[in-house]
Protein backbone atom coordinates (compact mmCIF):
# COMPACT_ATOMS: atom_id res chain seq x y z
CA TYR A 1 42.76 31.29 -136.13
CA GLN A 2 44.50 33.46 -138.76
CA ASP A 3 43.10 32.05 -142.04
CA TYR A 4 42.28 28.61 -140.64
CA LEU A 5 39.15 26.98 -139.31
CA TYR A 6 39.66 24.23 -136.70
CA ILE A 7 37.06 21.47 -136.52
CA VAL A 8 36.46 18.82 -133.85
CA CYS A 9 33.71 16.30 -133.24
CA ASP A 10 32.30 14.89 -130.00
CA GLU A 11 29.88 12.34 -131.43
CA GLY A 12 31.98 9.24 -132.00
CA ASN A 13 35.57 8.93 -133.09
CA SER A 14 36.78 11.46 -135.64
CA THR A 15 39.80 13.65 -136.41
CA LEU A 16 41.09 17.15 -135.95
CA GLN A 17 40.53 18.99 -139.22
CA ILE A 18 42.11 22.28 -140.25
CA VAL A 19 40.63 24.12 -143.22
CA ASP A 20 42.27 27.00 -145.09
CA ILE A 21 39.48 29.55 -145.53
CA SER A 22 41.62 32.36 -146.98
CA GLN A 23 40.03 31.91 -150.41
CA LEU A 24 36.38 32.05 -149.32
CA PRO A 25 33.80 32.27 -150.77
CA ASP A 26 35.38 30.55 -153.76
CA THR A 27 37.04 27.63 -152.03
CA ALA A 28 37.97 26.05 -148.71
CA ILE A 29 40.79 23.54 -148.58
CA VAL A 30 41.31 20.88 -145.93
CA VAL A 31 45.00 21.15 -145.04
CA TYR A 32 45.03 18.80 -142.03
CA ASP A 33 42.83 15.79 -141.25
CA ASP A 34 44.37 13.42 -138.73
CA ASP A 35 43.46 11.50 -135.58
CA SER A 36 46.99 11.27 -134.14
CA LEU A 37 46.40 14.28 -131.84
CA LEU A 38 42.62 14.18 -131.34
CA VAL A 39 40.05 11.45 -131.78
CA ARG A 40 37.10 13.17 -130.09
CA SER A 41 36.59 16.53 -128.41
CA HIS A 42 33.55 18.39 -127.12
CA ASN A 43 34.93 21.84 -127.80
CA ILE A 44 38.02 23.94 -128.47
CA PHE A 45 39.01 27.51 -127.65
CA ILE A 46 41.88 29.33 -129.36
CA ASP A 47 43.79 32.01 -127.47
CA THR A 48 44.98 34.04 -130.45
CA VAL A 49 47.45 36.10 -128.39
CA SER A 50 49.54 33.06 -127.43
CA ALA A 51 48.67 30.91 -130.48
CA ARG A 52 47.35 28.08 -128.33
CA MET A 53 44.39 25.79 -128.76
CA TYR A 54 42.67 24.47 -125.63
CA VAL A 55 40.78 21.21 -126.09
CA CYS A 56 37.89 20.20 -123.81
CA GLY A 57 36.04 16.99 -123.21
CA GLY A 58 36.09 13.92 -125.37
CA THR A 59 38.93 11.45 -125.12
CA GLU A 60 41.53 13.86 -123.77
CA ILE A 61 39.49 15.68 -121.05
CA PHE A 62 41.72 18.79 -121.33
CA GLY A 63 44.77 19.53 -123.48
CA VAL A 64 46.84 22.51 -124.61
CA TYR A 65 48.33 22.71 -128.12
CA SER A 66 50.72 25.15 -129.77
CA LEU A 67 49.55 26.72 -133.03
CA ALA A 68 52.87 28.47 -133.67
CA ASP A 69 52.64 26.65 -137.01
CA PRO A 70 48.86 26.89 -137.59
CA VAL A 71 48.66 23.77 -139.77
CA ASN A 72 50.86 21.57 -137.55
CA PRO A 73 49.56 21.69 -133.97
CA ILE A 74 51.83 20.35 -131.24
CA ARG A 75 50.56 19.02 -127.92
CA LEU A 76 52.11 20.98 -125.06
CA LEU A 77 50.22 19.44 -122.19
CA ASN A 78 47.61 16.83 -121.30
CA ALA A 79 46.26 18.21 -118.01
CA PRO A 80 45.03 14.96 -116.37
CA ASN A 81 48.36 13.25 -117.08
CA ASP A 82 50.74 16.20 -116.55
CA LEU A 83 49.22 18.16 -113.64
CA ALA A 84 48.83 16.55 -110.20
CA PHE A 85 46.20 19.08 -109.08
CA TRP A 86 43.96 18.25 -112.05
CA THR A 87 42.39 15.36 -110.09
CA ASN A 88 40.50 18.05 -108.12
CA ILE A 89 39.16 19.54 -111.34
CA GLY A 90 38.30 16.49 -113.45
CA TYR A 91 36.38 16.61 -116.72
CA ILE A 92 36.21 19.96 -118.50
CA HIS A 93 33.13 20.65 -120.58
CA ASP A 94 34.10 24.08 -121.90
CA VAL A 95 36.72 26.80 -121.45
CA PHE A 96 37.29 30.50 -122.01
CA VAL A 97 40.94 31.63 -122.31
CA ARG A 98 42.48 35.08 -122.47
CA ASN A 99 46.25 35.67 -122.33
CA ASP A 100 46.86 32.08 -121.15
CA ILE A 101 44.45 32.40 -118.19
CA ALA A 102 41.83 29.67 -118.57
CA TYR A 103 38.39 29.76 -116.99
CA VAL A 104 37.51 26.07 -117.04
CA ASN A 105 33.90 24.97 -116.70
CA ALA A 106 34.08 21.64 -114.91
CA GLY A 107 30.49 20.43 -114.84
CA PHE A 108 29.30 19.61 -111.32
CA ASN A 109 32.78 20.40 -109.92
CA GLY A 110 32.39 24.14 -110.62
CA LEU A 111 34.65 26.80 -112.11
CA PHE A 112 38.46 26.82 -111.94
CA VAL A 113 40.86 29.53 -113.09
CA VAL A 114 44.25 28.23 -114.25
CA ASP A 115 47.34 30.09 -115.47
CA PHE A 116 48.97 28.32 -118.44
CA SER A 117 51.42 31.13 -119.30
CA ASP A 118 54.38 28.97 -118.21
CA ILE A 119 53.50 25.51 -119.50
CA SER A 120 56.19 23.97 -117.28
CA ASP A 121 54.74 25.62 -114.16
CA VAL A 122 50.94 25.71 -114.50
CA LEU A 123 49.24 27.42 -111.56
CA MET A 124 45.76 27.23 -110.07
CA LEU A 125 44.68 30.84 -109.46
CA GLY A 126 41.19 30.38 -108.03
CA SER A 127 38.00 28.39 -108.00
CA LEU A 128 34.30 28.52 -107.26
CA THR A 129 32.90 25.12 -106.33
CA PHE A 130 29.81 26.12 -104.32
CA TYR A 131 27.41 28.86 -105.41
CA GLU A 132 23.69 29.60 -105.48
CA GLN A 133 21.68 27.57 -108.00
CA SER A 134 24.69 25.46 -108.86
CA GLY A 135 24.17 22.79 -111.47
CA TYR A 136 26.19 21.42 -114.38
CA ASN A 137 28.61 24.27 -115.13
CA HIS A 138 28.50 24.17 -118.92
CA SER A 139 30.15 27.30 -120.29
CA GLY A 140 31.03 30.91 -119.64
CA TRP A 141 32.50 34.13 -120.98
CA LEU A 142 34.76 36.82 -119.53
CA MET A 143 33.73 40.47 -119.85
CA GLU A 144 36.18 42.63 -121.82
CA ASN A 145 37.39 44.44 -118.68
CA GLY A 146 38.21 41.09 -117.07
CA ASN A 147 36.26 41.78 -113.87
CA TYR A 148 33.14 39.71 -114.52
CA TYR A 149 32.59 36.19 -115.80
CA CYS A 150 29.15 34.90 -116.67
CA LEU A 151 28.51 31.17 -116.48
CA ALA A 152 25.67 28.98 -117.56
CA ASP A 153 24.68 25.85 -115.68
CA GLU A 154 23.19 23.43 -118.18
CA THR A 155 20.46 22.44 -115.73
CA HIS A 156 16.71 22.96 -116.11
CA GLY A 157 15.47 26.07 -114.33
CA MET A 158 18.87 27.51 -113.39
CA ASP A 159 19.72 31.16 -113.99
CA MET A 160 22.95 32.41 -115.55
CA LYS A 161 25.37 33.63 -112.90
CA ILE A 162 27.37 36.85 -113.07
CA LEU A 163 30.61 36.36 -111.12
CA ASP A 164 33.00 38.96 -109.78
CA VAL A 165 36.42 37.60 -110.75
CA SER A 166 38.43 40.75 -110.03
CA ASP A 167 39.96 38.91 -107.04
CA LEU A 168 40.54 35.28 -108.04
CA GLN A 169 40.91 34.29 -104.38
CA ASN A 170 37.39 35.57 -103.76
CA ILE A 171 35.26 34.64 -106.78
CA HIS A 172 31.60 35.17 -105.97
CA VAL A 173 28.16 35.52 -107.57
CA VAL A 174 26.99 39.14 -107.78
CA ASP A 175 23.81 38.59 -109.79
CA THR A 176 21.73 36.05 -111.68
CA ILE A 177 19.79 36.36 -114.92
CA GLY A 178 16.86 34.11 -115.69
CA THR A 179 13.45 34.00 -117.28
CA ASP A 180 9.92 34.05 -115.90
CA ILE A 181 8.54 32.87 -119.24
CA ALA A 182 10.00 29.36 -119.36
CA PRO A 183 10.96 28.32 -115.82
CA LEU A 184 12.48 25.03 -117.00
CA SER A 185 14.65 26.59 -119.70
CA ILE A 186 18.36 25.73 -119.84
CA PRO A 187 21.01 28.40 -120.37
CA HIS A 188 23.62 26.89 -122.65
CA ASN A 189 26.21 29.16 -124.28
CA LEU A 190 26.61 32.87 -123.59
CA ILE A 191 28.84 35.67 -124.82
CA TYR A 192 29.36 39.19 -123.53
CA LYS A 193 29.19 41.95 -126.14
CA GLY A 194 30.70 45.25 -125.06
CA ASP A 195 29.70 46.00 -121.47
């Protein structure tokens, strides 16, 4: 985010590290290395429009941080502690966020779409908990036009699912993409490029 690289670790206790990379390739300077906000996290996603970092997995399960000051993050919300409806969602393995709308990949619980634009009034916008070839919902990515979300179930032999998310009250699978070469392959991380 801006000229900073944010680093987390999900293999044992660690810290959140922030590295100033504005002087690359000559130097990179660690400007923040502390465990007071994060001890362990599986992944992070930064919504650059709202200057917020979303933290998944690890010790916090799911948290939202302000990066208004990029080298001094501030916790805005710890979802399991601050949101009553989060008990229906549970552990978050990965997230994609655009303009404060989070597509949270909740493992075997499915996909949930949550509006964090008003941090004091977080809203559940939609969900998909049952779908064809469902497995461990690992990660996903929203197409640029915002109408389609592709998710990957980290489960042997499962295809990637293309979801129509144009109506968040009616999220549904419109297609799957898989392989005939390695039937026990595992889709893991995916990213749309263009259309």
